[in-house]
């Protein structure tokens, strides 16, 4: 009889201990889930504005390196075609390097399209420069770049800008 009482007490103690264990685990999970939610919420408060700013900066960057805008902004800064070509390429490179960190906040697809647009604009400038003598007036190079832009169906930056805008709309 004494053994039966001892086993009963041990069984009840085991059930109570197991119940307390389950209760504590459930409570701890809820506390950890709330903490994870709070951390995610804080991250969203901090990261969301940074991501939006990155997209805004890249839209501005793409607009600034669009050949039409670039040529208008940089006109009169060189005397000959070779110097103008170098100024245009340096301006694109500096703008790109200034915005390089923005890739952290963007998808790989958007960033690849931005890099492709940069390469296309640089290529367009170099191709136009090959058609103009190095000592020709800078306006001749500008005119040749405009001609090449007109010949293309789509501006080099247009598709990248479209991809960035679509990503903004999807995420925000």
C-alpha atoms as a PDB file:
ATOM      1  CA  UNK A   1       0.000   0.000   0.000  1.00  0.00           C
ATOM      2  CA  UNK A   2       2.858   2.310   0.850  1.00  0.00           C
ATOM      3  CA  UNK A   3       4.415   1.658  -2.593  1.00  0.00           C
ATOM      4  CA  UNK A   4       1.101   2.448  -4.282  1.00  0.00           C
ATOM      5  CA  UNK A   5       0.874   5.809  -2.432  1.00  0.00           C
ATOM      6  CA  UNK A   6       4.472   6.587  -3.305  1.00  0.00           C
ATOM      7  CA  UNK A   7       3.850   5.817  -6.998  1.00  0.00           C
ATOM      8  CA  UNK A   8       0.692   7.923  -6.967  1.00  0.00           C
ATOM      9  CA  UNK A   9       2.521  10.887  -5.455  1.00  0.00           C
ATOM     10  CA  UNK A  10       5.376  10.458  -7.986  1.00  0.00           C
ATOM     11  CA  UNK A  11       2.874  10.277 -10.886  1.00  0.00           C
ATOM     12  CA  UNK A  12       1.016  13.387  -9.699  1.00  0.00           C
ATOM     13  CA  UNK A  13       4.337  15.220  -9.233  1.00  0.00           C
ATOM     14  CA  UNK A  14       5.437  14.190 -12.743  1.00  0.00           C
ATOM     15  CA  UNK A  15       2.127  15.382 -14.258  1.00  0.00           C
ATOM     16  CA  UNK A  16       2.303  18.696 -12.382  1.00  0.00           C
ATOM     17  CA  UNK A  17       5.964  19.162 -13.412  1.00  0.00           C
ATOM     18  CA  UNK A  18       5.148  18.340 -17.039  1.00  0.00           C
ATOM     19  CA  UNK A  19       2.205  20.767 -16.960  1.00  0.00           C
ATOM     20  CA  UNK A  20       4.422  23.527 -15.563  1.00  0.00           C
ATOM     21  CA  UNK A  21       7.042  22.744 -18.232  1.00  0.00           C
ATOM     22  CA  UNK A  22       4.470  23.034 -21.042  1.00  0.00           C
ATOM     23  CA  UNK A  23       3.100  26.273 -19.552  1.00  0.00           C
ATOM     24  CA  UNK A  24       6.571  27.804 -19.262  1.00  0.00           C
ATOM     25  CA  UNK A  25       7.545  26.774 -22.791  1.00  0.00           C
ATOM     26  CA  UNK A  26       4.335  28.241 -24.221  1.00  0.00           C
ATOM     27  CA  UNK A  27       4.796  31.450 -22.241  1.00  0.00           C
ATOM     28  CA  UNK A  28       8.446  31.739 -23.314  1.00  0.00           C
ATOM     29  CA  UNK A  29       7.485  31.197 -26.977  1.00  0.00           C
ATOM     30  CA  UNK A  30       4.893  33.969 -26.762  1.00  0.00           C
ATOM     31  CA  UNK A  31       7.400  36.335 -25.148  1.00  0.00           C
ATOM     32  CA  UNK A  32      10.047  35.539 -27.786  1.00  0.00           C
ATOM     33  CA  UNK A  33       7.510  35.950 -30.599  1.00  0.00           C
ATOM     34  CA  UNK A  34       6.502  39.353 -29.227  1.00  0.00           C
ATOM     35  CA  UNK A  35      10.171  40.363 -29.035  1.00  0.00           C
ATOM     36  CA  UNK A  36      10.742  39.205 -32.636  1.00  0.00           C
ATOM     37  CA  UNK A  37       7.685  41.176 -33.736  1.00  0.00           C
ATOM     38  CA  UNK A  38       8.946  44.278 -31.898  1.00  0.00           C
ATOM     39  CA  UNK A  39      12.378  43.936 -33.514  1.00  0.00           C
ATOM     40  CA  UNK A  40      10.831  43.510 -36.970  1.00  0.00           C
ATOM     41  CA  UNK A  41       8.636  46.521 -36.349  1.00  0.00           C
ATOM     42  CA  UNK A  42      11.634  48.627 -35.290  1.00  0.00           C
ATOM     43  CA  UNK A  43      13.606  47.419 -38.312  1.00  0.00           C
ATOM     44  CA  UNK A  44      10.737  48.368 -40.577  1.00  0.00           C
ATOM     45  CA  UNK A  45      10.618  51.836 -39.048  1.00  0.00           C
ATOM     46  CA  UNK A  46      14.324  52.283 -39.712  1.00  0.00           C
ATOM     47  CA  UNK A  47      14.876  50.310 -42.936  1.00  0.00           C
ATOM     48  CA  UNK A  48      11.751  51.317 -44.844  1.00  0.00           C
ATOM     49  CA  UNK A  49      12.661  55.018 -45.109  1.00  0.00           C
ATOM     50  CA  UNK A  50      16.243  54.086 -46.060  1.00  0.00           C
ATOM     51  CA  UNK A  51      15.030  51.761 -48.800  1.00  0.00           C
ATOM     52  CA  UNK A  52      12.634  54.348 -50.144  1.00  0.00           C
ATOM     53  CA  UNK A  53      15.409  56.945 -50.129  1.00  0.00           C
ATOM     54  CA  UNK A  54      17.684  54.527 -52.013  1.00  0.00           C
ATOM     55  CA  UNK A  55      15.069  54.033 -54.720  1.00  0.00           C
ATOM     56  CA  UNK A  56      14.524  57.785 -54.950  1.00  0.00           C
ATOM     57  CA  UNK A  57      18.251  58.386 -55.279  1.00  0.00           C
ATOM     58  CA  UNK A  58      18.590  55.778 -58.003  1.00  0.00           C
ATOM     59  CA  UNK A  59      15.675  57.276 -59.938  1.00  0.00           C
ATOM     60  CA  UNK A  60      17.376  60.652 -59.709  1.00  0.00           C
ATOM     61  CA  UNK A  61      20.687  59.085 -60.736  1.00  0.00           C
ATOM     62  CA  UNK A  62      19.121  57.453 -63.800  1.00  0.00           C
ATOM     63  CA  UNK A  63      17.470  60.724 -64.770  1.00  0.00           C
ATOM     64  CA  UNK A  64      20.767  62.598 -64.351  1.00  0.00           C
ATOM     65  CA  UNK A  65      22.726  60.216 -66.586  1.00  0.00           C
ATOM     66  CA  UNK A  66      20.091  60.108 -69.312  1.00  0.00           C
ATOM     67  CA  UNK A  67      22.031  61.427 -72.316  1.00  0.00           C
ATOM     68  CA  UNK A  68      19.673  64.358 -72.915  1.00  0.00           C
ATOM     69  CA  UNK A  69      19.898  65.550 -69.303  1.00  0.00           C
ATOM     70  CA  UNK A  70      23.621  64.852 -69.071  1.00  0.00           C
ATOM     71  CA  UNK A  71      24.405  66.802 -72.221  1.00  0.00           C
ATOM     72  CA  UNK A  72      22.263  69.759 -71.183  1.00  0.00           C
ATOM     73  CA  UNK A  73      23.849  69.875 -67.743  1.00  0.00           C
ATOM     74  CA  UNK A  74      27.434  69.484 -68.961  1.00  0.00           C
ATOM     75  CA  UNK A  75      27.294  71.609 -72.120  1.00  0.00           C
ATOM     76  CA  UNK A  76      29.891  74.346 -72.245  1.00  0.00           C
ATOM     77  CA  UNK A  77      32.256  72.504 -69.923  1.00  0.00           C
ATOM     78  CA  UNK A  78      34.715  71.467 -72.646  1.00  0.00           C
ATOM     79  CA  UNK A  79      36.284  72.926 -75.764  1.00  0.00           C
ATOM     80  CA  UNK A  80      36.829  69.782 -77.827  1.00  0.00           C
ATOM     81  CA  UNK A  81      35.162  66.412 -78.316  1.00  0.00           C
ATOM     82  CA  UNK A  82      37.802  64.362 -76.507  1.00  0.00           C
ATOM     83  CA  UNK A  83      37.679  66.568 -73.423  1.00  0.00           C
ATOM     84  CA  UNK A  84      33.868  66.535 -73.485  1.00  0.00           C
ATOM     85  CA  UNK A  85      33.824  62.732 -73.739  1.00  0.00           C
ATOM     86  CA  UNK A  86      36.113  62.460 -70.731  1.00  0.00           C
ATOM     87  CA  UNK A  87      34.001  64.925 -68.732  1.00  0.00           C
ATOM     88  CA  UNK A  88      30.784  63.040 -69.530  1.00  0.00           C
ATOM     89  CA  UNK A  89      32.275  59.661 -68.615  1.00  0.00           C
ATOM     90  CA  UNK A  90      33.799  61.043 -65.413  1.00  0.00           C
ATOM     91  CA  UNK A  91      30.463  62.596 -64.428  1.00  0.00           C
ATOM     92  CA  UNK A  92      28.677  59.253 -64.892  1.00  0.00           C
ATOM     93  CA  UNK A  93      31.374  57.386 -62.969  1.00  0.00           C
ATOM     94  CA  UNK A  94      31.305  59.882 -60.083  1.00  0.00           C
ATOM     95  CA  UNK A  95      27.510  59.826 -59.884  1.00  0.00           C
ATOM     96  CA  UNK A  96      27.538  56.030 -59.936  1.00  0.00           C
ATOM     97  CA  UNK A  97      30.242  55.766 -57.263  1.00  0.00           C
ATOM     98  CA  UNK A  98      28.367  58.276 -55.118  1.00  0.00           C
ATOM     99  CA  UNK A  99      25.262  56.056 -55.219  1.00  0.00           C
ATOM    100  CA  UNK A 100      26.992  52.689 -55.067  1.00  0.00           C
ATOM    101  CA  UNK A 101      25.859  51.887 -51.515  1.00  0.00           C
ATOM    102  CA  UNK A 102      22.200  52.087 -52.534  1.00  0.00           C
ATOM    103  CA  UNK A 103      22.435  48.579 -53.989  1.00  0.00           C
ATOM    104  CA  UNK A 104      22.143  47.216 -50.440  1.00  0.00           C
ATOM    105  CA  UNK A 105      18.484  48.260 -50.348  1.00  0.00           C
ATOM    106  CA  UNK A 106      17.525  47.087 -53.850  1.00  0.00           C
ATOM    107  CA  UNK A 107      16.886  43.763 -55.513  1.00  0.00           C
ATOM    108  CA  UNK A 108      19.633  42.230 -57.608  1.00  0.00           C
ATOM    109  CA  UNK A 109      17.463  42.605 -60.695  1.00  0.00           C
ATOM    110  CA  UNK A 110      16.990  46.348 -60.203  1.00  0.00           C
ATOM    111  CA  UNK A 111      20.680  46.872 -59.492  1.00  0.00           C
ATOM    112  CA  UNK A 112      21.730  44.867 -62.560  1.00  0.00           C
ATOM    113  CA  UNK A 113      19.413  46.963 -64.735  1.00  0.00           C
ATOM    114  CA  UNK A 114      20.916  50.146 -63.316  1.00  0.00           C
ATOM    115  CA  UNK A 115      24.448  48.922 -64.060  1.00  0.00           C
ATOM    116  CA  UNK A 116      23.342  47.933 -67.551  1.00  0.00           C
ATOM    117  CA  UNK A 117      21.936  51.430 -68.130  1.00  0.00           C
ATOM    118  CA  UNK A 118      25.212  53.004 -66.968  1.00  0.00           C
ATOM    119  CA  UNK A 119      27.173  50.780 -69.343  1.00  0.00           C
ATOM    120  CA  UNK A 120      24.824  51.565 -72.230  1.00  0.00           C
ATOM    121  CA  UNK A 121      25.138  55.326 -71.707  1.00  0.00           C
ATOM    122  CA  UNK A 122      28.921  55.067 -71.497  1.00  0.00           C
ATOM    123  CA  UNK A 123      28.974  52.915 -74.618  1.00  0.00           C
ATOM    124  CA  UNK A 124      26.738  55.382 -76.444  1.00  0.00           C
ATOM    125  CA  UNK A 125      29.089  58.241 -75.577  1.00  0.00           C
ATOM    126  CA  UNK A 126      32.162  56.251 -76.642  1.00  0.00           C
ATOM    127  CA  UNK A 127      30.572  55.168 -79.927  1.00  0.00           C
ATOM    128  CA  UNK A 128      29.589  58.744 -80.723  1.00  0.00           C
ATOM    129  CA  UNK A 129      33.100  59.913 -79.818  1.00  0.00           C
ATOM    130  CA  UNK A 130      34.540  57.411 -82.317  1.00  0.00           C
ATOM    131  CA  UNK A 131      32.512  59.116 -85.064  1.00  0.00           C
ATOM    132  CA  UNK A 132      33.890  62.583 -84.261  1.00  0.00           C
ATOM    133  CA  UNK A 133      37.511  63.748 -84.499  1.00  0.00           C
ATOM    134  CA  UNK A 134      39.097  64.285 -81.075  1.00  0.00           C
ATOM    135  CA  UNK A 135      39.804  67.962 -81.783  1.00  0.00           C
ATOM    136  CA  UNK A 136      36.306  68.689 -83.115  1.00  0.00           C
ATOM    137  CA  UNK A 137      34.204  71.134 -81.094  1.00  0.00           C
ATOM    138  CA  UNK A 138      32.397  69.644 -78.090  1.00  0.00           C
ATOM    139  CA  UNK A 139      29.072  70.547 -79.711  1.00  0.00           C
ATOM    140  CA  UNK A 140      29.827  68.093 -82.523  1.00  0.00           C
ATOM    141  CA  UNK A 141      30.072  65.256 -80.010  1.00  0.00           C
ATOM    142  CA  UNK A 142      26.890  66.399 -78.291  1.00  0.00           C
ATOM    143  CA  UNK A 143      25.099  66.459 -81.645  1.00  0.00           C
ATOM    144  CA  UNK A 144      26.397  62.965 -82.493  1.00  0.00           C
ATOM    145  CA  UNK A 145      25.206  61.627 -79.111  1.00  0.00           C
ATOM    146  CA  UNK A 146      21.764  63.170 -79.696  1.00  0.00           C
ATOM    147  CA  UNK A 147      21.651  61.532 -83.134  1.00  0.00           C
ATOM    148  CA  UNK A 148      22.458  58.128 -81.655  1.00  0.00           C
ATOM    149  CA  UNK A 149      19.814  58.568 -78.948  1.00  0.00           C
ATOM    150  CA  UNK A 150      17.218  59.453 -81.575  1.00  0.00           C
ATOM    151  CA  UNK A 151      18.175  56.372 -83.621  1.00  0.00           C
ATOM    152  CA  UNK A 152      17.513  54.100 -80.653  1.00  0.00           C
ATOM    153  CA  UNK A 153      13.971  52.973 -79.973  1.00  0.00           C
ATOM    154  CA  UNK A 154      14.385  53.382 -76.240  1.00  0.00           C
ATOM    155  CA  UNK A 155      16.607  55.580 -74.099  1.00  0.00           C
ATOM    156  CA  UNK A 156      19.325  53.625 -72.270  1.00  0.00           C
ATOM    157  CA  UNK A 157      17.995  54.540 -68.817  1.00  0.00           C
ATOM    158  CA  UNK A 158      14.296  54.125 -69.547  1.00  0.00           C
ATOM    159  CA  UNK A 159      14.079  50.385 -68.903  1.00  0.00           C
ATOM    160  CA  UNK A 160      16.130  50.568 -65.694  1.00  0.00           C
ATOM    161  CA  UNK A 161      13.961  53.422 -64.452  1.00  0.00           C
ATOM    162  CA  UNK A 162      10.863  51.365 -65.231  1.00  0.00           C
ATOM    163  CA  UNK A 163      12.245  48.382 -63.274  1.00  0.00           C
ATOM    164  CA  UNK A 164      13.072  50.586 -60.274  1.00  0.00           C
ATOM    165  CA  UNK A 165       9.629  52.206 -60.297  1.00  0.00           C
ATOM    166  CA  UNK A 166       7.900  48.823 -60.524  1.00  0.00           C
ATOM    167  CA  UNK A 167       9.940  47.564 -57.589  1.00  0.00           C
ATOM    168  CA  UNK A 168       8.969  50.638 -55.577  1.00  0.00           C
ATOM    169  CA  UNK A 169       5.302  50.021 -56.307  1.00  0.00           C
ATOM    170  CA  UNK A 170       5.589  46.332 -55.374  1.00  0.00           C
ATOM    171  CA  UNK A 171       7.384  47.010 -52.093  1.00  0.00           C
ATOM    172  CA  UNK A 172       5.641  50.151 -50.934  1.00  0.00           C
END
